[in-house]
Amino acid sequence: MDSLHAPWRIEYILSHKPEMKEGVFGRIAQSEDDKGNFVVARDKTCFAVLNRYPYNGGHLMVVPYKEVPDLSGLTDEELADLWKLTRRCVAALKAVMKPDGFNIGINLGKVAGAGIAEHLHIHVVPRWTGDTNFMPVIANTGVVPEALELIAAKIREEMLRQG
């Protein structure tokens, strides 16, 4: 198998990760710097954010404002809002990036692959024919051909256009 380089991930891998009283999603949820945090949409109970260390270009995460580790911690309204925003993200990614398909999923618990196990989030990963299969993507071999700032701006604009 050929190796593809994803040099943007090394910054995260090697960076010092201080103990935080609040998780990354909690900080982003409370921040007003949506551009700096790559937030593309905010709804009543959840928000969508571009993954800073993506598996594929356009990789979004849909996150409830409430920090819960699994689906049982959400109300029916919060759960419905989460999936409605996920649907809007898929529509925006289709319009902006024209993928051939998507991987959409939730990793519950560290053993299931959750990098931020304490704060439930839905991954929305656009896929293109021939990009690669899912395991090499998880193994950090994906290539993102466009700057995150540009992708976020395009998706944000499309989300606003959709309403």
N, C-alpha and C. Protein backbone atom coordinates (compact mmCIF):
# COMPACT_ATOMS: atom_id res chain seq x y z
N MET A 1 0.85 -1.18 0.00
CA MET A 1 0.00 0.00 0.00
C MET A 1 0.89 1.23 0.00
N ASP A 2 0.54 2.22 -0.81
CA ASP A 2 1.26 3.48 -0.84
C ASP A 2 0.88 4.33 0.36
N SER A 3 1.82 5.10 0.83
CA SER A 3 1.54 6.03 1.93
C SER A 3 1.30 7.42 1.37
N LEU A 4 0.26 8.05 1.85
CA LEU A 4 -0.01 9.44 1.51
C LEU A 4 0.32 10.26 2.75
N HIS A 5 0.88 11.41 2.54
CA HIS A 5 1.30 12.22 3.67
C HIS A 5 0.20 13.22 4.04
N ALA A 6 -0.04 13.36 5.33
CA ALA A 6 -1.02 14.30 5.88
C ALA A 6 -0.29 15.18 6.89
N PRO A 7 0.57 16.08 6.42
CA PRO A 7 1.43 16.84 7.34
C PRO A 7 0.70 17.75 8.30
N TRP A 8 -0.53 18.12 8.02
CA TRP A 8 -1.27 18.98 8.93
C TRP A 8 -1.60 18.27 10.24
N ARG A 9 -1.59 16.94 10.24
CA ARG A 9 -1.93 16.19 11.45
C ARG A 9 -0.78 16.17 12.46
N ILE A 10 0.46 16.32 12.01
CA ILE A 10 1.60 16.22 12.92
C ILE A 10 1.57 17.33 13.97
N GLU A 11 1.07 18.49 13.60
CA GLU A 11 0.95 19.59 14.56
C GLU A 11 0.10 19.15 15.76
N TYR A 12 -1.00 18.47 15.50
CA TYR A 12 -1.86 17.98 16.57
C TYR A 12 -1.20 16.83 17.33
N ILE A 13 -0.62 15.89 16.61
CA ILE A 13 -0.03 14.71 17.23
C ILE A 13 1.08 15.10 18.21
N LEU A 14 1.92 16.05 17.81
CA LEU A 14 3.06 16.44 18.63
C LEU A 14 2.75 17.54 19.64
N SER A 15 1.61 18.19 19.49
CA SER A 15 1.32 19.33 20.36
C SER A 15 1.09 18.91 21.81
N HIS A 16 1.46 19.80 22.72
CA HIS A 16 1.19 19.60 24.14
C HIS A 16 -0.30 19.71 24.36
N LYS A 17 -0.87 18.78 25.08
CA LYS A 17 -2.30 18.78 25.33
C LYS A 17 -2.53 18.96 26.83
N PRO A 18 -2.66 20.21 27.27
CA PRO A 18 -2.82 20.46 28.70
C PRO A 18 -4.14 19.93 29.22
N GLU A 19 -4.16 19.64 30.51
CA GLU A 19 -5.40 19.24 31.17
C GLU A 19 -6.37 20.42 31.12
N MET A 20 -7.55 20.17 30.67
CA MET A 20 -8.55 21.25 30.56
C MET A 20 -9.77 20.88 31.39
N LYS A 21 -10.30 21.87 32.07
CA LYS A 21 -11.52 21.65 32.84
C LYS A 21 -12.71 21.52 31.91
N GLU A 22 -12.58 22.11 30.73
CA GLU A 22 -13.64 22.08 29.75
C GLU A 22 -13.10 21.47 28.47
N GLY A 23 -13.91 20.67 27.79
CA GLY A 23 -13.47 20.02 26.57
C GLY A 23 -13.45 20.98 25.38
N VAL A 24 -12.84 20.51 24.30
CA VAL A 24 -12.69 21.33 23.10
C VAL A 24 -14.05 21.73 22.53
N PHE A 25 -15.01 20.83 22.53
CA PHE A 25 -16.32 21.19 21.99
C PHE A 25 -17.03 22.20 22.87
N GLY A 26 -16.85 22.10 24.17
CA GLY A 26 -17.43 23.09 25.09
C GLY A 26 -16.83 24.47 24.86
N ARG A 27 -15.52 24.51 24.66
CA ARG A 27 -14.86 25.80 24.39
C ARG A 27 -15.35 26.40 23.07
N ILE A 28 -15.46 25.57 22.04
CA ILE A 28 -15.94 26.05 20.74
C ILE A 28 -17.39 26.51 20.85
N ALA A 29 -18.20 25.75 21.58
CA ALA A 29 -19.62 26.10 21.74
C ALA A 29 -19.78 27.48 22.36
N GLN A 30 -18.91 27.83 23.31
CA GLN A 30 -19.03 29.10 24.02
C GLN A 30 -18.27 30.24 23.35
N SER A 31 -17.43 29.92 22.39
CA SER A 31 -16.62 30.95 21.73
C SER A 31 -17.46 31.73 20.71
N GLU A 32 -17.06 32.96 20.49
CA GLU A 32 -17.70 33.77 19.45
C GLU A 32 -16.87 33.78 18.17
N ASP A 33 -15.74 33.08 18.17
CA ASP A 33 -14.85 33.06 17.01
C ASP A 33 -15.18 31.88 16.10
N ASP A 34 -16.31 31.96 15.42
CA ASP A 34 -16.73 30.85 14.56
C ASP A 34 -15.75 30.63 13.41
N LYS A 35 -15.22 31.69 12.83
CA LYS A 35 -14.26 31.52 11.72
C LYS A 35 -12.99 30.84 12.21
N GLY A 36 -12.45 31.28 13.31
CA GLY A 36 -11.22 30.70 13.85
C GLY A 36 -11.39 29.26 14.30
N ASN A 37 -12.60 28.91 14.71
CA ASN A 37 -12.89 27.55 15.16
C ASN A 37 -13.49 26.67 14.06
N PHE A 38 -13.67 27.23 12.87
CA PHE A 38 -14.24 26.51 11.73
C PHE A 38 -15.68 26.07 11.95
N VAL A 39 -16.43 26.82 12.75
CA VAL A 39 -17.85 26.53 12.93
C VAL A 39 -18.57 26.97 11.66
N VAL A 40 -19.37 26.08 11.10
CA VAL A 40 -20.07 26.39 9.85
C VAL A 40 -21.56 26.65 10.06
N ALA A 41 -22.11 26.23 11.20
CA ALA A 41 -23.53 26.48 11.48
C ALA A 41 -23.79 26.34 12.97
N ARG A 42 -24.72 27.13 13.46
CA ARG A 42 -25.19 27.02 14.84
C ARG A 42 -26.71 26.95 14.84
N ASP A 43 -27.24 26.00 15.55
CA ASP A 43 -28.68 25.87 15.74
C ASP A 43 -28.99 26.00 17.23
N LYS A 44 -30.23 25.80 17.57
CA LYS A 44 -30.68 25.99 18.96
C LYS A 44 -29.95 25.10 19.97
N THR A 45 -29.78 23.82 19.63
CA THR A 45 -29.21 22.88 20.60
C THR A 45 -27.90 22.24 20.15
N CYS A 46 -27.42 22.61 18.95
CA CYS A 46 -26.20 21.98 18.43
C CYS A 46 -25.53 22.88 17.40
N PHE A 47 -24.31 22.51 17.04
CA PHE A 47 -23.56 23.27 16.03
C PHE A 47 -22.78 22.30 15.16
N ALA A 48 -22.33 22.80 13.99
CA ALA A 48 -21.52 22.00 13.09
C ALA A 48 -20.17 22.67 12.93
N VAL A 49 -19.12 21.86 12.98
CA VAL A 49 -17.76 22.39 12.93
C VAL A 49 -16.92 21.52 11.99
N LEU A 50 -16.08 22.17 11.21
CA LEU A 50 -15.16 21.46 10.34
C LEU A 50 -14.07 20.84 11.20
N ASN A 51 -13.77 19.59 10.97
CA ASN A 51 -12.73 18.90 11.72
C ASN A 51 -11.37 19.50 11.36
N ARG A 52 -10.65 19.96 12.35
CA ARG A 52 -9.34 20.59 12.15
C ARG A 52 -8.29 19.56 11.69
N TYR A 53 -8.51 18.29 12.00
CA TYR A 53 -7.61 17.21 11.61
C TYR A 53 -8.44 16.14 10.91
N PRO A 54 -8.87 16.44 9.67
CA PRO A 54 -9.90 15.62 9.00
C PRO A 54 -9.40 14.29 8.45
N TYR A 55 -10.36 13.36 8.33
CA TYR A 55 -10.11 12.11 7.63
C TYR A 55 -10.14 12.36 6.12
N ASN A 56 -10.97 13.29 5.69
CA ASN A 56 -11.13 13.66 4.28
C ASN A 56 -11.51 15.12 4.22
N GLY A 57 -11.28 15.77 3.11
CA GLY A 57 -11.68 17.16 2.95
C GLY A 57 -13.18 17.33 3.21
N GLY A 58 -13.55 18.38 3.93
CA GLY A 58 -14.95 18.64 4.22
C GLY A 58 -15.50 17.87 5.41
N HIS A 59 -14.66 17.14 6.13
CA HIS A 59 -15.09 16.34 7.28
C HIS A 59 -15.67 17.26 8.35
N LEU A 60 -16.98 17.15 8.58
CA LEU A 60 -17.67 17.94 9.59
C LEU A 60 -18.01 17.09 10.80
N MET A 61 -18.22 17.79 11.92
CA MET A 61 -18.74 17.14 13.12
C MET A 61 -19.95 17.95 13.59
N VAL A 62 -21.02 17.25 13.90
CA VAL A 62 -22.23 17.88 14.41
C VAL A 62 -22.28 17.57 15.90
N VAL A 63 -22.33 18.63 16.72
CA VAL A 63 -22.08 18.50 18.15
C VAL A 63 -23.21 19.16 18.95
N PRO A 64 -23.79 18.45 19.92
CA PRO A 64 -24.76 19.11 20.80
C PRO A 64 -24.02 20.08 21.74
N TYR A 65 -24.69 21.16 22.11
CA TYR A 65 -24.08 22.07 23.09
C TYR A 65 -23.93 21.34 24.43
N LYS A 66 -24.87 20.48 24.75
CA LYS A 66 -24.82 19.73 26.01
C LYS A 66 -23.73 18.66 25.90
N GLU A 67 -22.83 18.63 26.88
CA GLU A 67 -21.78 17.62 26.88
C GLU A 67 -22.31 16.33 27.49
N VAL A 68 -22.52 15.35 26.63
CA VAL A 68 -22.98 14.03 27.06
C VAL A 68 -22.16 12.97 26.33
N PRO A 69 -21.91 11.82 26.96
CA PRO A 69 -21.09 10.80 26.32
C PRO A 69 -21.85 9.90 25.34
N ASP A 70 -23.20 9.90 25.42
CA ASP A 70 -23.95 9.01 24.52
C ASP A 70 -25.34 9.57 24.25
N LEU A 71 -26.07 8.89 23.41
CA LEU A 71 -27.38 9.36 22.96
C LEU A 71 -28.42 9.47 24.07
N SER A 72 -28.29 8.66 25.10
CA SER A 72 -29.29 8.67 26.18
C SER A 72 -29.25 9.96 26.98
N GLY A 73 -28.20 10.74 26.87
CA GLY A 73 -28.10 12.00 27.59
C GLY A 73 -28.80 13.16 26.91
N LEU A 74 -29.35 12.93 25.73
CA LEU A 74 -30.03 13.99 24.99
C LEU A 74 -31.54 13.86 25.09
N THR A 75 -32.22 14.98 25.08
CA THR A 75 -33.68 14.96 25.02
C THR A 75 -34.10 14.59 23.59
N ASP A 76 -35.37 14.28 23.40
CA ASP A 76 -35.86 13.98 22.05
C ASP A 76 -35.66 15.17 21.13
N GLU A 77 -35.87 16.39 21.65
CA GLU A 77 -35.68 17.60 20.83
C GLU A 77 -34.21 17.75 20.43
N GLU A 78 -33.31 17.56 21.37
CA GLU A 78 -31.88 17.68 21.08
C GLU A 78 -31.43 16.64 20.06
N LEU A 79 -31.94 15.42 20.21
CA LEU A 79 -31.60 14.35 19.28
C LEU A 79 -32.12 14.67 17.87
N ALA A 80 -33.36 15.16 17.80
CA ALA A 80 -33.93 15.54 16.50
C ALA A 80 -33.13 16.69 15.87
N ASP A 81 -32.77 17.68 16.68
CA ASP A 81 -31.98 18.81 16.17
C ASP A 81 -30.63 18.35 15.63
N LEU A 82 -30.02 17.41 16.34
CA LEU A 82 -28.71 16.89 15.93
C LEU A 82 -28.80 16.26 14.54
N TRP A 83 -29.82 15.44 14.31
CA TRP A 83 -29.97 14.77 13.02
C TRP A 83 -30.44 15.73 11.93
N LYS A 84 -31.23 16.73 12.29
CA LYS A 84 -31.64 17.73 11.29
C LYS A 84 -30.44 18.54 10.81
N LEU A 85 -29.57 18.92 11.75
CA LEU A 85 -28.37 19.65 11.35
C LEU A 85 -27.44 18.75 10.55
N THR A 86 -27.37 17.48 10.88
CA THR A 86 -26.57 16.53 10.10
C THR A 86 -27.08 16.49 8.66
N ARG A 87 -28.39 16.44 8.51
CA ARG A 87 -28.99 16.43 7.17
C ARG A 87 -28.64 17.71 6.40
N ARG A 88 -28.68 18.87 7.08
CA ARG A 88 -28.30 20.14 6.44
C ARG A 88 -26.82 20.12 6.03
N CYS A 89 -25.97 19.54 6.87
CA CYS A 89 -24.54 19.45 6.55
C CYS A 89 -24.33 18.60 5.29
N VAL A 90 -25.02 17.49 5.19
CA VAL A 90 -24.91 16.64 4.01
C VAL A 90 -25.33 17.43 2.77
N ALA A 91 -26.43 18.15 2.86
CA ALA A 91 -26.91 18.94 1.71
C ALA A 91 -25.89 20.01 1.32
N ALA A 92 -25.31 20.68 2.31
CA ALA A 92 -24.31 21.72 2.02
C ALA A 92 -23.07 21.12 1.39
N LEU A 93 -22.59 19.99 1.93
CA LEU A 93 -21.41 19.34 1.36
C LEU A 93 -21.67 18.86 -0.06
N LYS A 94 -22.88 18.35 -0.32
CA LYS A 94 -23.23 17.95 -1.68
C LYS A 94 -23.13 19.13 -2.63
N ALA A 95 -23.65 20.28 -2.22
CA ALA A 95 -23.65 21.46 -3.08
C ALA A 95 -22.25 22.03 -3.28
N VAL A 96 -21.44 22.04 -2.21
CA VAL A 96 -20.13 22.68 -2.26
C VAL A 96 -19.04 21.77 -2.81
N MET A 97 -19.02 20.51 -2.36
CA MET A 97 -17.89 19.64 -2.68
C MET A 97 -18.23 18.51 -3.65
N LYS A 98 -19.51 18.28 -3.88
CA LYS A 98 -19.98 17.27 -4.83
C LYS A 98 -19.37 15.88 -4.62
N PRO A 99 -19.47 15.36 -3.40
CA PRO A 99 -18.93 14.02 -3.14
C PRO A 99 -19.81 12.95 -3.78
N ASP A 100 -19.25 11.75 -3.91
CA ASP A 100 -20.00 10.61 -4.45
C ASP A 100 -20.77 9.87 -3.36
N GLY A 101 -20.44 10.12 -2.10
CA GLY A 101 -21.10 9.45 -0.98
C GLY A 101 -20.60 10.02 0.33
N PHE A 102 -21.03 9.42 1.43
CA PHE A 102 -20.66 9.90 2.77
C PHE A 102 -20.46 8.73 3.72
N ASN A 103 -19.58 8.93 4.70
CA ASN A 103 -19.56 8.12 5.91
C ASN A 103 -20.14 9.03 6.98
N ILE A 104 -21.20 8.57 7.64
CA ILE A 104 -21.82 9.33 8.72
C ILE A 104 -21.90 8.39 9.91
N GLY A 105 -21.34 8.83 11.05
CA GLY A 105 -21.35 7.92 12.18
C GLY A 105 -20.98 8.55 13.50
N ILE A 106 -21.19 7.77 14.55
CA ILE A 106 -20.90 8.16 15.92
C ILE A 106 -20.05 7.07 16.54
N ASN A 107 -18.95 7.46 17.17
CA ASN A 107 -18.11 6.52 17.90
C ASN A 107 -18.41 6.71 19.38
N LEU A 108 -19.04 5.74 20.00
CA LEU A 108 -19.39 5.84 21.42
C LEU A 108 -18.38 5.07 22.26
N GLY A 109 -17.60 5.80 23.05
CA GLY A 109 -16.59 5.20 23.90
C GLY A 109 -15.23 5.13 23.24
N LYS A 110 -14.19 5.20 24.04
CA LYS A 110 -12.81 5.16 23.53
C LYS A 110 -12.54 3.91 22.71
N VAL A 111 -13.02 2.75 23.19
CA VAL A 111 -12.75 1.50 22.48
C VAL A 111 -13.41 1.47 21.11
N ALA A 112 -14.42 2.29 20.90
CA ALA A 112 -15.10 2.38 19.60
C ALA A 112 -14.46 3.42 18.70
N GLY A 113 -13.40 4.06 19.18
CA GLY A 113 -12.69 5.04 18.36
C GLY A 113 -12.99 6.48 18.67
N ALA A 114 -13.75 6.74 19.73
CA ALA A 114 -14.08 8.13 20.08
C ALA A 114 -12.84 8.84 20.61
N GLY A 115 -12.39 9.86 19.89
CA GLY A 115 -11.26 10.65 20.34
C GLY A 115 -11.65 11.61 21.45
N ILE A 116 -12.92 12.01 21.46
CA ILE A 116 -13.46 12.88 22.51
C ILE A 116 -14.69 12.14 23.06
N ALA A 117 -14.44 11.13 23.86
CA ALA A 117 -15.49 10.22 24.31
C ALA A 117 -16.52 10.88 25.22
N GLU A 118 -16.12 11.94 25.91
CA GLU A 118 -17.04 12.57 26.88
C GLU A 118 -18.08 13.48 26.21
N HIS A 119 -17.91 13.79 24.92
CA HIS A 119 -18.83 14.71 24.25
C HIS A 119 -19.26 14.11 22.91
N LEU A 120 -20.44 13.53 22.90
CA LEU A 120 -21.01 12.92 21.72
C LEU A 120 -20.93 13.86 20.52
N HIS A 121 -20.63 13.33 19.35
CA HIS A 121 -20.66 14.12 18.12
C HIS A 121 -20.83 13.16 16.94
N ILE A 122 -21.43 13.67 15.88
CA ILE A 122 -21.65 12.89 14.66
C ILE A 122 -20.62 13.32 13.62
N HIS A 123 -19.93 12.36 13.05
CA HIS A 123 -18.99 12.63 11.97
C HIS A 123 -19.73 12.58 10.63
N VAL A 124 -19.50 13.57 9.79
CA VAL A 124 -20.03 13.60 8.44
C VAL A 124 -18.82 13.73 7.52
N VAL A 125 -18.46 12.62 6.86
CA VAL A 125 -17.24 12.57 6.06
C VAL A 125 -17.61 12.37 4.59
N PRO A 126 -17.39 13.39 3.75
CA PRO A 126 -17.66 13.21 2.33
C PRO A 126 -16.65 12.25 1.71
N ARG A 127 -17.11 11.48 0.73
CA ARG A 127 -16.26 10.47 0.07
C ARG A 127 -16.38 10.60 -1.44
N TRP A 128 -15.31 10.29 -2.13
CA TRP A 128 -15.28 10.33 -3.59
C TRP A 128 -14.81 8.98 -4.11
N THR A 129 -15.35 8.56 -5.23
CA THR A 129 -14.94 7.32 -5.86
C THR A 129 -13.43 7.32 -6.04
N GLY A 130 -12.80 6.28 -5.52
CA GLY A 130 -11.35 6.15 -5.67
C GLY A 130 -10.53 6.91 -4.65
N ASP A 131 -11.18 7.60 -3.67
CA ASP A 131 -10.37 8.36 -2.71
C ASP A 131 -9.53 7.41 -1.86
N THR A 132 -10.10 6.37 -1.34
CA THR A 132 -9.44 5.30 -0.60
C THR A 132 -10.52 4.60 0.21
N ASN A 133 -10.20 3.48 0.84
CA ASN A 133 -11.22 2.87 1.68
C ASN A 133 -11.13 3.45 3.09
N PHE A 134 -12.07 3.15 3.95
CA PHE A 134 -12.20 3.83 5.23
C PHE A 134 -11.04 3.57 6.19
N MET A 135 -10.48 2.39 6.22
CA MET A 135 -9.41 2.10 7.17
C MET A 135 -8.15 2.94 6.94
N PRO A 136 -7.65 3.08 5.72
CA PRO A 136 -6.49 3.96 5.56
C PRO A 136 -6.81 5.40 5.92
N VAL A 137 -8.05 5.81 5.74
CA VAL A 137 -8.43 7.17 6.14
C VAL A 137 -8.27 7.31 7.65
N ILE A 138 -8.75 6.34 8.40
CA ILE A 138 -8.62 6.37 9.86
C ILE A 138 -7.14 6.33 10.25
N ALA A 139 -6.33 5.67 9.44
CA ALA A 139 -4.90 5.55 9.73
C ALA A 139 -4.11 6.78 9.28
N ASN A 140 -4.82 7.90 9.08
CA ASN A 140 -4.18 9.19 8.78
C ASN A 140 -3.47 9.23 7.42
N THR A 141 -4.06 8.62 6.40
CA THR A 141 -3.44 8.64 5.08
C THR A 141 -4.25 9.45 4.07
N GLY A 142 -5.20 10.20 4.54
CA GLY A 142 -6.03 11.00 3.63
C GLY A 142 -5.31 12.26 3.17
N VAL A 143 -5.78 12.80 2.06
CA VAL A 143 -5.23 14.04 1.53
C VAL A 143 -6.35 15.06 1.44
N VAL A 144 -6.14 16.22 2.00
CA VAL A 144 -7.10 17.31 1.93
C VAL A 144 -6.51 18.34 0.98
N PRO A 145 -7.10 18.47 -0.22
CA PRO A 145 -6.48 19.31 -1.24
C PRO A 145 -6.79 20.80 -1.15
N GLU A 146 -7.58 21.19 -0.17
CA GLU A 146 -7.97 22.60 -0.06
C GLU A 146 -7.80 23.07 1.39
N ALA A 147 -7.40 24.31 1.57
CA ALA A 147 -7.18 24.85 2.90
C ALA A 147 -8.48 24.82 3.72
N LEU A 148 -8.34 24.50 5.00
CA LEU A 148 -9.51 24.39 5.87
C LEU A 148 -10.31 25.69 5.91
N GLU A 149 -9.61 26.83 5.92
CA GLU A 149 -10.30 28.12 5.96
C GLU A 149 -11.22 28.29 4.76
N LEU A 150 -10.75 27.88 3.58
CA LEU A 150 -11.55 28.01 2.36
C LEU A 150 -12.74 27.06 2.36
N ILE A 151 -12.49 25.82 2.77
CA ILE A 151 -13.58 24.84 2.84
C ILE A 151 -14.64 25.32 3.83
N ALA A 152 -14.22 25.76 5.01
CA ALA A 152 -15.17 26.23 6.03
C ALA A 152 -15.99 27.40 5.51
N ALA A 153 -15.34 28.35 4.85
CA ALA A 153 -16.06 29.52 4.33
C ALA A 153 -17.10 29.12 3.29
N LYS A 154 -16.76 28.20 2.41
CA LYS A 154 -17.71 27.75 1.39
C LYS A 154 -18.90 27.03 2.01
N ILE A 155 -18.62 26.16 2.97
CA ILE A 155 -19.70 25.40 3.62
C ILE A 155 -20.57 26.35 4.44
N ARG A 156 -19.95 27.27 5.17
CA ARG A 156 -20.69 28.25 5.97
C ARG A 156 -21.63 29.05 5.08
N GLU A 157 -21.13 29.51 3.95
CA GLU A 157 -21.95 30.29 3.00
C GLU A 157 -23.13 29.46 2.50
N GLU A 158 -22.88 28.21 2.17
CA GLU A 158 -23.97 27.35 1.69
C GLU A 158 -24.99 27.06 2.79
N MET A 159 -24.53 26.87 4.02
CA MET A 159 -25.46 26.64 5.14
C MET A 159 -26.35 27.87 5.33
N LEU A 160 -25.78 29.05 5.23
CA LEU A 160 -26.57 30.29 5.35
C LEU A 160 -27.55 30.42 4.20
N ARG A 161 -27.12 30.06 3.01
CA ARG A 161 -27.99 30.14 1.84
C ARG A 161 -29.19 29.21 2.01
N GLN A 162 -28.95 28.02 2.57
CA GLN A 162 -30.02 27.04 2.76
C GLN A 162 -31.00 27.47 3.85
N GLY A 163 -30.52 28.32 4.78
CA GLY A 163 -31.41 28.80 5.85
C GLY A 163 -31.46 27.99 7.06
